[in-house]
């Protein structure tokens, strides 16, 4: 009897992540993941109760990576936090595009991580309206940066933004 190789959980996670990066969430189905990692769907459902659980693992992986990245940047001002978000996007453009701009679940979790940092930097401005404005600005700036669309490191808008929030 031929012994088959057992597909490891980490291999499934890495394959699903790469599938999302390459083709987006529209292709996030067990058959596509299995095809991507060259196995049947059986190992996927042996390791994960359902695709929602696998997606949750992937989302958590992104959140931890983003959180660590932001902490390593040590932003002390809102401008530094904005720059850190843009740096993350330019360092991981495909990941940023797929998870931060296309997946509503990840967007909300990343937004919460950013909100936590925002509130430690500017506790007196910890207001949902201020933060939502900041969040939209940062995501837009980062999206422009990964698409090389009119992005420079020293935008006039940054100075205006910094003045309006920190004065």
Protein backbone atom coordinates (compact mmCIF):
# COMPACT_ATOMS: atom_id res chain seq x y z
CA UNK A 1 0.00 0.00 0.00
CA UNK A 2 1.29 3.43 -0.95
CA UNK A 3 1.61 5.79 1.95
CA UNK A 4 0.40 9.32 1.26
CA UNK A 5 2.10 12.33 2.70
CA UNK A 6 0.10 14.18 5.32
CA UNK A 7 -0.50 17.83 4.49
CA UNK A 8 0.54 19.97 7.42
CA UNK A 9 -1.67 22.69 8.88
CA UNK A 10 1.03 25.29 8.25
CA UNK A 11 1.20 24.27 4.58
CA UNK A 12 -2.56 24.81 4.24
CA UNK A 13 -2.34 28.21 5.95
CA UNK A 14 0.58 29.31 3.78
CA UNK A 15 -1.13 28.06 0.63
CA UNK A 16 -4.42 29.78 1.46
CA UNK A 17 -2.57 33.01 2.24
CA UNK A 18 -0.70 32.86 -1.07
CA UNK A 19 -3.92 32.10 -2.95
CA UNK A 20 -5.54 35.22 -1.47
CA UNK A 21 -2.49 37.34 -2.28
CA UNK A 22 -2.37 36.03 -5.86
CA UNK A 23 -6.06 35.87 -6.71
CA UNK A 24 -8.07 37.59 -3.97
CA UNK A 25 -10.85 36.48 -1.67
CA UNK A 26 -13.15 35.60 -4.57
CA UNK A 27 -11.01 32.47 -5.07
CA UNK A 28 -10.98 31.54 -1.36
CA UNK A 29 -12.70 28.15 -1.66
CA UNK A 30 -11.56 24.74 -0.47
CA UNK A 31 -11.13 23.38 -4.00
CA UNK A 32 -8.99 26.35 -5.05
CA UNK A 33 -6.85 26.10 -1.92
CA UNK A 34 -6.45 22.36 -2.45
CA UNK A 35 -5.47 22.88 -6.07
CA UNK A 36 -3.02 25.61 -5.05
CA UNK A 37 -1.23 23.30 -2.57
CA UNK A 38 -1.67 20.16 -4.71
CA UNK A 39 -3.88 18.06 -2.46
CA UNK A 40 -7.51 17.12 -2.05
CA UNK A 41 -9.91 19.12 0.10
CA UNK A 42 -9.82 16.41 2.79
CA UNK A 43 -6.70 17.74 4.61
CA UNK A 44 -8.22 21.22 4.72
CA UNK A 45 -11.36 19.98 6.45
CA UNK A 46 -9.35 17.65 8.67
CA UNK A 47 -7.35 20.63 9.99
CA UNK A 48 -10.13 23.24 10.01
CA UNK A 49 -13.79 22.86 10.92
CA UNK A 50 -14.71 25.14 8.01
CA UNK A 51 -13.29 27.86 5.79
CA UNK A 52 -14.36 30.53 8.25
CA UNK A 53 -11.94 29.05 10.79
CA UNK A 54 -9.12 29.04 8.22
CA UNK A 55 -9.90 32.64 7.27
CA UNK A 56 -9.88 33.58 10.95
CA UNK A 57 -6.39 32.09 11.31
CA UNK A 58 -5.20 34.07 8.27
CA UNK A 59 -6.79 37.27 9.54
CA UNK A 60 -5.17 36.83 12.94
CA UNK A 61 -1.81 36.29 11.23
CA UNK A 62 -2.19 39.64 9.40
CA UNK A 63 -3.33 41.48 12.53
CA UNK A 64 -0.37 40.25 14.60
CA UNK A 65 2.05 41.14 11.80
CA UNK A 66 0.53 44.63 11.44
CA UNK A 67 0.50 45.21 15.19
CA UNK A 68 4.16 44.18 15.49
CA UNK A 69 5.10 46.38 12.56
CA UNK A 70 3.39 49.44 14.02
CA UNK A 71 4.92 48.80 17.47
CA UNK A 72 8.38 48.48 15.89
CA UNK A 73 7.91 51.88 14.22
CA UNK A 74 7.22 53.43 17.64
CA UNK A 75 5.03 56.30 16.38
CA UNK A 76 4.96 59.24 18.79
CA UNK A 77 2.76 61.52 16.68
CA UNK A 78 -0.16 61.10 14.32
CA UNK A 79 2.09 61.95 11.41
CA UNK A 80 4.46 59.16 12.48
CA UNK A 81 1.52 56.76 12.76
CA UNK A 82 0.34 57.78 9.29
CA UNK A 83 3.86 57.20 7.97
CA UNK A 84 4.02 53.80 9.68
CA UNK A 85 0.77 52.74 7.99
CA UNK A 86 2.12 53.89 4.62
CA UNK A 87 5.38 52.06 5.29
CA UNK A 88 3.47 48.86 6.01
CA UNK A 89 1.58 49.26 2.75
CA UNK A 90 4.73 49.86 0.72
CA UNK A 91 6.61 47.00 2.43
CA UNK A 92 3.69 44.57 1.92
CA UNK A 93 1.71 45.98 -1.01
CA UNK A 94 -0.10 42.80 -2.09
CA UNK A 95 -1.07 41.98 1.47
CA UNK A 96 -2.23 45.55 2.08
CA UNK A 97 -4.30 45.52 -1.11
CA UNK A 98 -5.99 42.17 -0.45
CA UNK A 99 -6.54 42.36 3.31
CA UNK A 100 -6.75 46.10 4.09
CA UNK A 101 -8.75 47.21 1.06
CA UNK A 102 -10.84 44.16 0.12
CA UNK A 103 -11.78 42.21 3.24
CA UNK A 104 -14.25 43.95 5.54
CA UNK A 105 -13.46 41.69 8.51
CA UNK A 106 -9.73 42.43 8.38
CA UNK A 107 -10.36 46.11 7.71
CA UNK A 108 -12.35 46.42 10.95
CA UNK A 109 -9.71 44.58 12.99
CA UNK A 110 -6.84 46.62 11.56
CA UNK A 111 -8.83 49.77 12.13
CA UNK A 112 -9.24 48.81 15.79
CA UNK A 113 -5.50 48.19 16.20
CA UNK A 114 -4.83 51.58 14.65
CA UNK A 115 -7.46 53.22 16.85
CA UNK A 116 -5.75 51.84 19.95
CA UNK A 117 -2.43 53.37 18.89
CA UNK A 118 -4.17 56.62 17.89
CA UNK A 119 -5.74 56.93 21.35
CA UNK A 120 -2.39 56.49 23.10
CA UNK A 121 -0.76 59.15 20.91
CA UNK A 122 -3.62 61.67 21.12
CA UNK A 123 -5.90 60.74 24.04
CA UNK A 124 -7.51 64.19 24.02
CA UNK A 125 -8.54 63.68 20.37
CA UNK A 126 -9.91 60.19 21.00
CA UNK A 127 -13.16 60.90 19.21
CA UNK A 128 -14.73 58.59 16.61
CA UNK A 129 -15.11 61.44 14.11
CA UNK A 130 -11.46 62.49 14.40
CA UNK A 131 -10.27 58.91 14.20
CA UNK A 132 -12.47 58.05 11.20
CA UNK A 133 -11.09 61.08 9.37
CA UNK A 134 -7.54 60.03 10.28
CA UNK A 135 -8.20 56.42 9.22
CA UNK A 136 -9.60 57.39 5.80
CA UNK A 137 -6.68 59.75 5.24
CA UNK A 138 -4.11 57.08 6.12
CA UNK A 139 -5.71 54.33 4.05
CA UNK A 140 -6.02 56.66 1.07
CA UNK A 141 -2.43 57.84 1.40
CA UNK A 142 -1.20 54.23 1.70
CA UNK A 143 -3.29 53.11 -1.30
CA UNK A 144 -1.79 55.93 -3.37
CA UNK A 145 1.69 54.93 -2.22
CA UNK A 146 1.34 51.30 -3.32
CA UNK A 147 0.01 52.42 -6.69
CA UNK A 148 2.73 55.06 -7.18
CA UNK A 149 -0.02 57.59 -7.79
CA UNK A 150 1.18 61.06 -6.94
CA UNK A 151 2.86 59.92 -3.75
CA UNK A 152 5.85 61.61 -2.18
CA UNK A 153 7.17 61.19 1.32
CA UNK A 154 6.72 64.88 2.09
CA UNK A 155 3.17 65.75 1.11
CA UNK A 156 1.83 69.22 1.81
CA UNK A 157 -1.33 67.46 2.99
CA UNK A 158 0.70 65.81 5.76
CA UNK A 159 1.63 69.18 7.20
CA UNK A 160 -1.96 70.43 6.93
CA UNK A 161 -3.24 67.22 8.47
CA UNK A 162 -0.71 67.37 11.29
CA UNK A 163 -1.60 70.99 12.00
CA UNK A 164 -5.35 70.33 12.08
CA UNK A 165 -5.04 67.36 14.43
CA UNK A 166 -2.25 68.33 16.74
CA UNK A 167 -2.80 72.03 17.21
